[in-house]
Amino acid sequence: MNTLTALASAAFGSTAYLTTFSTVKWLNQLSRQFKLTGLVVTGLVLCAIIGIIAIASQSVVLGFIVGAGLTPPVHRWIVQRRSPAASS
């Protein structure tokens, strides 16, 4: 397994998670019709990205999974940590 490739894929997985999170957060502010269409398009894009990654080497797939798996808890921790400081 190429370590550099796995790390780059982990960074890409993290970026994909944060981009999807921001997109869904933005779509939730729109009307129901636009939100539904946007969620479907977002899901299709994610499926395409995951399909392309699945064709790549094993280290790319493992790195992407690690990056996308570790980002949500770290992101929640950062957001929770900022909240008390912002209110005081």
PDB file of N, CA and C in Angstrom:
ATOM      1  N   MET A   1       0.850  -1.172   0.000  1.00  0.00           N
ATOM      2  CA  MET A   1       0.000   0.000   0.000  1.00  0.00           C
ATOM      3  C   MET A   1       0.898   1.239   0.000  1.00  0.00           C
ATOM      4  N   ASN A   2       0.622   2.155  -0.861  1.00  0.00           N
ATOM      5  CA  ASN A   2       1.360   3.396  -0.943  1.00  0.00           C
ATOM      6  C   ASN A   2       0.822   4.367   0.106  1.00  0.00           C
ATOM      7  N   THR A   3       1.633   4.720   1.088  1.00  0.00           N
ATOM      8  CA  THR A   3       1.193   5.562   2.200  1.00  0.00           C
ATOM      9  C   THR A   3       0.768   6.948   1.737  1.00  0.00           C
ATOM     10  N   LEU A   4       1.529   7.527   0.851  1.00  0.00           N
ATOM     11  CA  LEU A   4       1.203   8.866   0.356  1.00  0.00           C
ATOM     12  C   LEU A   4      -0.137   8.878  -0.379  1.00  0.00           C
ATOM     13  N   THR A   5      -0.395   7.848  -1.152  1.00  0.00           N
ATOM     14  CA  THR A   5      -1.676   7.741  -1.860  1.00  0.00           C
ATOM     15  C   THR A   5      -2.824   7.596  -0.871  1.00  0.00           C
ATOM     16  N   ALA A   6      -2.614   6.792   0.167  1.00  0.00           N
ATOM     17  CA  ALA A   6      -3.660   6.613   1.178  1.00  0.00           C
ATOM     18  C   ALA A   6      -3.928   7.912   1.929  1.00  0.00           C
ATOM     19  N   LEU A   7      -2.886   8.667   2.255  1.00  0.00           N
ATOM     20  CA  LEU A   7      -3.072   9.946   2.948  1.00  0.00           C
ATOM     21  C   LEU A   7      -3.787  10.966   2.059  1.00  0.00           C
ATOM     22  N   ALA A   8      -3.416  11.010   0.800  1.00  0.00           N
ATOM     23  CA  ALA A   8      -4.091  11.923  -0.132  1.00  0.00           C
ATOM     24  C   ALA A   8      -5.560  11.550  -0.280  1.00  0.00           C
ATOM     25  N   SER A   9      -5.840  10.266  -0.322  1.00  0.00           N
ATOM     26  CA  SER A   9      -7.226   9.813  -0.427  1.00  0.00           C
ATOM     27  C   SER A   9      -8.004  10.131   0.845  1.00  0.00           C
ATOM     28  N   ALA A  10      -7.346  10.025   1.999  1.00  0.00           N
ATOM     29  CA  ALA A  10      -8.000  10.376   3.260  1.00  0.00           C
ATOM     30  C   ALA A  10      -8.364  11.859   3.273  1.00  0.00           C
ATOM     31  N   ALA A  11      -7.477  12.687   2.776  1.00  0.00           N
ATOM     32  CA  ALA A  11      -7.773  14.118   2.692  1.00  0.00           C
ATOM     33  C   ALA A  11      -8.935  14.371   1.736  1.00  0.00           C
ATOM     34  N   PHE A  12      -8.972  13.636   0.631  1.00  0.00           N
ATOM     35  CA  PHE A  12     -10.066  13.779  -0.318  1.00  0.00           C
ATOM     36  C   PHE A  12     -11.383  13.303   0.298  1.00  0.00           C
ATOM     37  N   GLY A  13     -11.352  12.207   1.047  1.00  0.00           N
ATOM     38  CA  GLY A  13     -12.556  11.723   1.723  1.00  0.00           C
ATOM     39  C   GLY A  13     -13.071  12.728   2.730  1.00  0.00           C
ATOM     40  N   SER A  14     -12.159  13.358   3.439  1.00  0.00           N
ATOM     41  CA  SER A  14     -12.530  14.397   4.400  1.00  0.00           C
ATOM     42  C   SER A  14     -13.165  15.587   3.694  1.00  0.00           C
ATOM     43  N   THR A  15     -12.569  15.984   2.582  1.00  0.00           N
ATOM     44  CA  THR A  15     -13.113  17.096   1.800  1.00  0.00           C
ATOM     45  C   THR A  15     -14.490  16.757   1.245  1.00  0.00           C
ATOM     46  N   ALA A  16     -14.664  15.537   0.780  1.00  0.00           N
ATOM     47  CA  ALA A  16     -15.965  15.113   0.253  1.00  0.00           C
ATOM     48  C   ALA A  16     -17.026  15.166   1.346  1.00  0.00           C
ATOM     49  N   TYR A  17     -16.686  14.726   2.561  1.00  0.00           N
ATOM     50  CA  TYR A  17     -17.643  14.782   3.667  1.00  0.00           C
ATOM     51  C   TYR A  17     -18.026  16.224   3.981  1.00  0.00           C
ATOM     52  N   LEU A  18     -17.031  17.092   4.144  1.00  0.00           N
ATOM     53  CA  LEU A  18     -17.310  18.480   4.521  1.00  0.00           C
ATOM     54  C   LEU A  18     -18.088  19.215   3.435  1.00  0.00           C
ATOM     55  N   THR A  19     -17.794  18.925   2.178  1.00  0.00           N
ATOM     56  CA  THR A  19     -18.535  19.542   1.078  1.00  0.00           C
ATOM     57  C   THR A  19     -19.981  19.065   1.074  1.00  0.00           C
ATOM     58  N   THR A  20     -20.183  17.780   1.266  1.00  0.00           N
ATOM     59  CA  THR A  20     -21.542  17.237   1.313  1.00  0.00           C
ATOM     60  C   THR A  20     -22.304  17.786   2.504  1.00  0.00           C
ATOM     61  N   PHE A  21     -21.657  17.879   3.656  1.00  0.00           N
ATOM     62  CA  PHE A  21     -22.292  18.421   4.858  1.00  0.00           C
ATOM     63  C   PHE A  21     -22.750  19.859   4.621  1.00  0.00           C
ATOM     64  N   SER A  22     -21.883  20.675   4.044  1.00  0.00           N
ATOM     65  CA  SER A  22     -22.224  22.074   3.770  1.00  0.00           C
ATOM     66  C   SER A  22     -23.340  22.188   2.735  1.00  0.00           C
ATOM     67  N   THR A  23     -23.296  21.328   1.722  1.00  0.00           N
ATOM     68  CA  THR A  23     -24.329  21.352   0.687  1.00  0.00           C
ATOM     69  C   THR A  23     -25.688  20.998   1.260  1.00  0.00           C
ATOM     70  N   VAL A  24     -25.748  19.958   2.061  1.00  0.00           N
ATOM     71  CA  VAL A  24     -27.022  19.538   2.654  1.00  0.00           C
ATOM     72  C   VAL A  24     -27.528  20.598   3.631  1.00  0.00           C
ATOM     73  N   LYS A  25     -26.639  21.206   4.377  1.00  0.00           N
ATOM     74  CA  LYS A  25     -27.035  22.278   5.303  1.00  0.00           C
ATOM     75  C   LYS A  25     -27.636  23.447   4.516  1.00  0.00           C
ATOM     76  N   TRP A  26     -27.035  23.789   3.394  1.00  0.00           N
ATOM     77  CA  TRP A  26     -27.547  24.870   2.554  1.00  0.00           C
ATOM     78  C   TRP A  26     -28.874  24.467   1.917  1.00  0.00           C
ATOM     79  N   LEU A  27     -28.987  23.218   1.437  1.00  0.00           N
ATOM     80  CA  LEU A  27     -30.221  22.758   0.797  1.00  0.00           C
ATOM     81  C   LEU A  27     -31.394  22.751   1.774  1.00  0.00           C
ATOM     82  N   ASN A  28     -31.140  22.522   3.042  1.00  0.00           N
ATOM     83  CA  ASN A  28     -32.217  22.507   4.027  1.00  0.00           C
ATOM     84  C   ASN A  28     -32.869  23.870   4.194  1.00  0.00           C
ATOM     85  N   GLN A  29     -32.209  24.923   3.742  1.00  0.00           N
ATOM     86  CA  GLN A  29     -32.769  26.270   3.847  1.00  0.00           C
ATOM     87  C   GLN A  29     -33.652  26.621   2.652  1.00  0.00           C
ATOM     88  N   LEU A  30     -33.633  25.812   1.617  1.00  0.00           N
ATOM     89  CA  LEU A  30     -34.394  26.087   0.398  1.00  0.00           C
ATOM     90  C   LEU A  30     -35.792  25.490   0.488  1.00  0.00           C
ATOM     91  N   SER A  31     -36.615  25.817  -0.511  1.00  0.00           N
ATOM     92  CA  SER A  31     -37.959  25.259  -0.552  1.00  0.00           C
ATOM     93  C   SER A  31     -37.894  23.747  -0.778  1.00  0.00           C
ATOM     94  N   ARG A  32     -38.997  23.086  -0.506  1.00  0.00           N
ATOM     95  CA  ARG A  32     -39.031  21.619  -0.543  1.00  0.00           C
ATOM     96  C   ARG A  32     -38.648  21.054  -1.914  1.00  0.00           C
ATOM     97  N   GLN A  33     -39.147  21.673  -2.996  1.00  0.00           N
ATOM     98  CA  GLN A  33     -38.865  21.163  -4.333  1.00  0.00           C
ATOM     99  C   GLN A  33     -37.370  21.259  -4.659  1.00  0.00           C
ATOM    100  N   PHE A  34     -36.751  22.395  -4.373  1.00  0.00           N
ATOM    101  CA  PHE A  34     -35.331  22.556  -4.643  1.00  0.00           C
ATOM    102  C   PHE A  34     -34.494  21.673  -3.736  1.00  0.00           C
ATOM    103  N   LYS A  35     -34.945  21.521  -2.489  1.00  0.00           N
ATOM    104  CA  LYS A  35     -34.207  20.685  -1.545  1.00  0.00           C
ATOM    105  C   LYS A  35     -34.184  19.233  -2.022  1.00  0.00           C
ATOM    106  N   LEU A  36     -35.305  18.726  -2.440  1.00  0.00           N
ATOM    107  CA  LEU A  36     -35.393  17.338  -2.894  1.00  0.00           C
ATOM    108  C   LEU A  36     -34.528  17.118  -4.139  1.00  0.00           C
ATOM    109  N   THR A  37     -34.631  18.029  -5.096  1.00  0.00           N
ATOM    110  CA  THR A  37     -33.815  17.914  -6.304  1.00  0.00           C
ATOM    111  C   THR A  37     -32.331  17.991  -5.966  1.00  0.00           C
ATOM    112  N   GLY A  38     -31.965  18.914  -5.092  1.00  0.00           N
ATOM    113  CA  GLY A  38     -30.571  19.068  -4.692  1.00  0.00           C
ATOM    114  C   GLY A  38     -30.028  17.846  -3.975  1.00  0.00           C
ATOM    115  N   LEU A  39     -30.852  17.242  -3.121  1.00  0.00           N
ATOM    116  CA  LEU A  39     -30.417  16.043  -2.409  1.00  0.00           C
ATOM    117  C   LEU A  39     -30.209  14.872  -3.373  1.00  0.00           C
ATOM    118  N   VAL A  40     -31.076  14.759  -4.369  1.00  0.00           N
ATOM    119  CA  VAL A  40     -30.926  13.687  -5.360  1.00  0.00           C
ATOM    120  C   VAL A  40     -29.640  13.890  -6.160  1.00  0.00           C
ATOM    121  N   VAL A  41     -29.396  15.121  -6.587  1.00  0.00           N
ATOM    122  CA  VAL A  41     -28.176  15.409  -7.351  1.00  0.00           C
ATOM    123  C   VAL A  41     -26.936  15.168  -6.491  1.00  0.00           C
ATOM    124  N   THR A  42     -26.978  15.592  -5.230  1.00  0.00           N
ATOM    125  CA  THR A  42     -25.857  15.366  -4.317  1.00  0.00           C
ATOM    126  C   THR A  42     -25.597  13.874  -4.148  1.00  0.00           C
ATOM    127  N   GLY A  43     -26.649  13.087  -3.996  1.00  0.00           N
ATOM    128  CA  GLY A  43     -26.498  11.638  -3.873  1.00  0.00           C
ATOM    129  C   GLY A  43     -25.899  11.013  -5.123  1.00  0.00           C
ATOM    130  N   LEU A  44     -26.322  11.478  -6.284  1.00  0.00           N
ATOM    131  CA  LEU A  44     -25.764  10.952  -7.534  1.00  0.00           C
ATOM    132  C   LEU A  44     -24.286  11.296  -7.676  1.00  0.00           C
ATOM    133  N   VAL A  45     -23.914  12.505  -7.308  1.00  0.00           N
ATOM    134  CA  VAL A  45     -22.509  12.904  -7.376  1.00  0.00           C
ATOM    135  C   VAL A  45     -21.669  12.059  -6.425  1.00  0.00           C
ATOM    136  N   LEU A  46     -22.176  11.834  -5.210  1.00  0.00           N
ATOM    137  CA  LEU A  46     -21.441  10.994  -4.251  1.00  0.00           C
ATOM    138  C   LEU A  46     -21.293   9.569  -4.760  1.00  0.00           C
ATOM    139  N   CYS A  47     -22.334   9.028  -5.350  1.00  0.00           N
ATOM    140  CA  CYS A  47     -22.240   7.673  -5.910  1.00  0.00           C
ATOM    141  C   CYS A  47     -21.208   7.615  -7.027  1.00  0.00           C
ATOM    142  N   ALA A  48     -21.164   8.651  -7.857  1.00  0.00           N
ATOM    143  CA  ALA A  48     -20.178   8.686  -8.940  1.00  0.00           C
ATOM    144  C   ALA A  48     -18.765   8.763  -8.382  1.00  0.00           C
ATOM    145  N   ILE A  49     -18.563   9.588  -7.365  1.00  0.00           N
ATOM    146  CA  ILE A  49     -17.232   9.716  -6.750  1.00  0.00           C
ATOM    147  C   ILE A  49     -16.802   8.387  -6.140  1.00  0.00           C
ATOM    148  N   ILE A  50     -17.698   7.744  -5.416  1.00  0.00           N
ATOM    149  CA  ILE A  50     -17.367   6.474  -4.777  1.00  0.00           C
ATOM    150  C   ILE A  50     -17.109   5.396  -5.835  1.00  0.00           C
ATOM    151  N   GLY A  51     -17.866   5.420  -6.929  1.00  0.00           N
ATOM    152  CA  GLY A  51     -17.631   4.465  -8.006  1.00  0.00           C
ATOM    153  C   GLY A  51     -16.276   4.653  -8.660  1.00  0.00           C
ATOM    154  N   ILE A  52     -15.895   5.895  -8.874  1.00  0.00           N
ATOM    155  CA  ILE A  52     -14.581   6.171  -9.467  1.00  0.00           C
ATOM    156  C   ILE A  52     -13.472   5.719  -8.524  1.00  0.00           C
ATOM    157  N   ILE A  53     -13.655   5.972  -7.238  1.00  0.00           N
ATOM    158  CA  ILE A  53     -12.649   5.572  -6.249  1.00  0.00           C
ATOM    159  C   ILE A  53     -12.564   4.048  -6.159  1.00  0.00           C
ATOM    160  N   ALA A  54     -13.698   3.376  -6.296  1.00  0.00           N
ATOM    161  CA  ALA A  54     -13.696   1.912  -6.219  1.00  0.00           C
ATOM    162  C   ALA A  54     -12.913   1.281  -7.365  1.00  0.00           C
ATOM    163  N   ILE A  55     -12.826   1.965  -8.487  1.00  0.00           N
ATOM    164  CA  ILE A  55     -12.061   1.453  -9.621  1.00  0.00           C
ATOM    165  C   ILE A  55     -10.564   1.585  -9.361  1.00  0.00           C
ATOM    166  N   ALA A  56     -10.193   2.542  -8.508  1.00  0.00           N
ATOM    167  CA  ALA A  56      -8.771   2.807  -8.238  1.00  0.00           C
ATOM    168  C   ALA A  56      -8.175   1.696  -7.372  1.00  0.00           C
ATOM    169  N   SER A  57      -6.942   1.906  -6.961  1.00  0.00           N
ATOM    170  CA  SER A  57      -6.240   0.883  -6.181  1.00  0.00           C
ATOM    171  C   SER A  57      -6.826   0.734  -4.780  1.00  0.00           C
ATOM    172  N   GLN A  58      -6.433  -0.331  -4.095  1.00  0.00           N
ATOM    173  CA  GLN A  58      -6.942  -0.622  -2.758  1.00  0.00           C
ATOM    174  C   GLN A  58      -6.533   0.454  -1.768  1.00  0.00           C
ATOM    175  N   SER A  59      -5.336   1.000  -1.887  1.00  0.00           N
ATOM    176  CA  SER A  59      -4.890   2.017  -0.942  1.00  0.00           C
ATOM    177  C   SER A  59      -5.731   3.282  -1.066  1.00  0.00           C
ATOM    178  N   VAL A  60      -6.192   3.587  -2.282  1.00  0.00           N
ATOM    179  CA  VAL A  60      -7.042   4.755  -2.474  1.00  0.00           C
ATOM    180  C   VAL A  60      -8.378   4.549  -1.777  1.00  0.00           C
ATOM    181  N   VAL A  61      -8.949   3.376  -1.934  1.00  0.00           N
ATOM    182  CA  VAL A  61     -10.235   3.077  -1.304  1.00  0.00           C
ATOM    183  C   VAL A  61     -10.109   3.121   0.212  1.00  0.00           C
ATOM    184  N   LEU A  62      -9.077   2.500   0.760  1.00  0.00           N
ATOM    185  CA  LEU A  62      -8.895   2.509   2.214  1.00  0.00           C
ATOM    186  C   LEU A  62      -8.658   3.921   2.743  1.00  0.00           C
ATOM    187  N   GLY A  63      -7.870   4.712   2.045  1.00  0.00           N
ATOM    188  CA  GLY A  63      -7.629   6.080   2.467  1.00  0.00           C
ATOM    189  C   GLY A  63      -8.892   6.916   2.447  1.00  0.00           C
ATOM    190  N   PHE A  64      -9.701   6.755   1.407  1.00  0.00           N
ATOM    191  CA  PHE A  64     -10.960   7.493   1.304  1.00  0.00           C
ATOM    192  C   PHE A  64     -11.892   7.123   2.449  1.00  0.00           C
ATOM    193  N   ILE A  65     -11.994   5.840   2.748  1.00  0.00           N
ATOM    194  CA  ILE A  65     -12.871   5.383   3.834  1.00  0.00           C
ATOM    195  C   ILE A  65     -12.388   5.920   5.179  1.00  0.00           C
ATOM    196  N   VAL A  66     -11.080   5.883   5.411  1.00  0.00           N
ATOM    197  CA  VAL A  66     -10.531   6.400   6.667  1.00  0.00           C
ATOM    198  C   VAL A  66     -10.801   7.901   6.777  1.00  0.00           C
ATOM    199  N   GLY A  67     -10.549   8.649   5.708  1.00  0.00           N
ATOM    200  CA  GLY A  67     -10.777  10.097   5.743  1.00  0.00           C
ATOM    201  C   GLY A  67     -12.232  10.457   5.967  1.00  0.00           C
ATOM    202  N   ALA A  68     -13.121   9.783   5.249  1.00  0.00           N
ATOM    203  CA  ALA A  68     -14.546  10.058   5.406  1.00  0.00           C
ATOM    204  C   ALA A  68     -15.075   9.548   6.740  1.00  0.00           C
ATOM    205  N   GLY A  69     -14.449   8.530   7.300  1.00  0.00           N
ATOM    206  CA  GLY A  69     -14.896   7.989   8.588  1.00  0.00           C
ATOM    207  C   GLY A  69     -14.416   8.787   9.776  1.00  0.00           C
ATOM    208  N   LEU A  70     -13.236   9.358   9.687  1.00  0.00           N
ATOM    209  CA  LEU A  70     -12.692  10.130  10.809  1.00  0.00           C
ATOM    210  C   LEU A  70     -13.162  11.576  10.839  1.00  0.00           C
ATOM    211  N   THR A  71     -13.565  12.111   9.716  1.00  0.00           N
ATOM    212  CA  THR A  71     -13.927  13.526   9.657  1.00  0.00           C
ATOM    213  C   THR A  71     -15.178  13.874  10.469  1.00  0.00           C
ATOM    214  N   PRO A  72     -16.285  13.116  10.405  1.00  0.00           N
ATOM    215  CA  PRO A  72     -17.476  13.529  11.157  1.00  0.00           C
ATOM    216  C   PRO A  72     -17.248  13.722  12.665  1.00  0.00           C
ATOM    217  N   PRO A  73     -16.611  12.796  13.385  1.00  0.00           N
ATOM    218  CA  PRO A  73     -16.421  13.042  14.811  1.00  0.00           C
ATOM    219  C   PRO A  73     -15.491  14.225  15.088  1.00  0.00           C
ATOM    220  N   VAL A  74     -14.470  14.383  14.267  1.00  0.00           N
ATOM    221  CA  VAL A  74     -13.560  15.515  14.451  1.00  0.00           C
ATOM    222  C   VAL A  74     -14.290  16.819  14.159  1.00  0.00           C
ATOM    223  N   HIS A  75     -15.112  16.829  13.121  1.00  0.00           N
ATOM    224  CA  HIS A  75     -15.879  18.030  12.777  1.00  0.00           C
ATOM    225  C   HIS A  75     -16.850  18.395  13.899  1.00  0.00           C
ATOM    226  N   ARG A  76     -17.555  17.403  14.443  1.00  0.00           N
ATOM    227  CA  ARG A  76     -18.472  17.674  15.565  1.00  0.00           C
ATOM    228  C   ARG A  76     -17.713  18.215  16.764  1.00  0.00           C
ATOM    229  N   TRP A  77     -16.546  17.656  17.050  1.00  0.00           N
ATOM    230  CA  TRP A  77     -15.746  18.117  18.187  1.00  0.00           C
ATOM    231  C   TRP A  77     -15.324  19.574  17.993  1.00  0.00           C
ATOM    232  N   ILE A  78     -14.907  19.935  16.781  1.00  0.00           N
ATOM    233  CA  ILE A  78     -14.491  21.309  16.503  1.00  0.00           C
ATOM    234  C   ILE A  78     -15.673  22.263  16.635  1.00  0.00           C
ATOM    235  N   VAL A  79     -16.831  21.894  16.113  1.00  0.00           N
ATOM    236  CA  VAL A  79     -18.016  22.743  16.187  1.00  0.00           C
ATOM    237  C   VAL A  79     -18.458  22.929  17.636  1.00  0.00           C
ATOM    238  N   GLN A  80     -18.449  21.866  18.444  1.00  0.00           N
ATOM    239  CA  GLN A  80     -18.841  21.959  19.848  1.00  0.00           C
ATOM    240  C   GLN A  80     -17.847  22.802  20.627  1.00  0.00           C
ATOM    241  N   ARG A  81     -16.603  22.702  20.268  1.00  0.00           N
ATOM    242  CA  ARG A  81     -15.559  23.443  20.964  1.00  0.00           C
ATOM    243  C   ARG A  81     -15.668  24.938  20.679  1.00  0.00           C
ATOM    244  N   ARG A  82     -16.086  25.301  19.499  1.00  0.00           N
ATOM    245  CA  ARG A  82     -16.225  26.712  19.123  1.00  0.00           C
ATOM    246  C   ARG A  82     -17.475  27.343  19.709  1.00  0.00           C
ATOM    247  N   SER A  83     -18.518  26.588  19.913  1.00  0.00           N
ATOM    248  CA  SER A  83     -19.800  27.158  20.366  1.00  0.00           C
ATOM    249  C   SER A  83     -19.698  27.932  21.669  1.00  0.00           C
ATOM    250  N   PRO A  84     -19.132  27.405  22.756  1.00  0.00           N
ATOM    251  CA  PRO A  84     -19.070  28.187  23.990  1.00  0.00           C
ATOM    252  C   PRO A  84     -18.223  29.455  23.848  1.00  0.00           C
ATOM    253  N   ALA A  85     -17.154  29.408  23.084  1.00  0.00           N
ATOM    254  CA  ALA A  85     -16.298  30.576  22.922  1.00  0.00           C
ATOM    255  C   ALA A  85     -17.021  31.670  22.151  1.00  0.00           C
ATOM    256  N   ALA A  86     -17.868  31.299  21.192  1.00  0.00           N
ATOM    257  CA  ALA A  86     -18.570  32.284  20.394  1.00  0.00           C
ATOM    258  C   ALA A  86     -19.672  32.987  21.180  1.00  0.00           C
ATOM    259  N   SER A  87     -20.256  32.297  22.165  1.00  0.00           N
ATOM    260  CA  SER A  87     -21.372  32.898  22.909  1.00  0.00           C
ATOM    261  C   SER A  87     -20.908  33.790  24.047  1.00  0.00           C
ATOM    262  N   SER A  88     -19.634  33.704  24.464  1.00  0.00           N
ATOM    263  CA  SER A  88     -19.200  34.528  25.576  1.00  0.00           C
ATOM    264  C   SER A  88     -18.476  35.763  25.166  1.00  0.00           C
TER     265      SER A  88
END
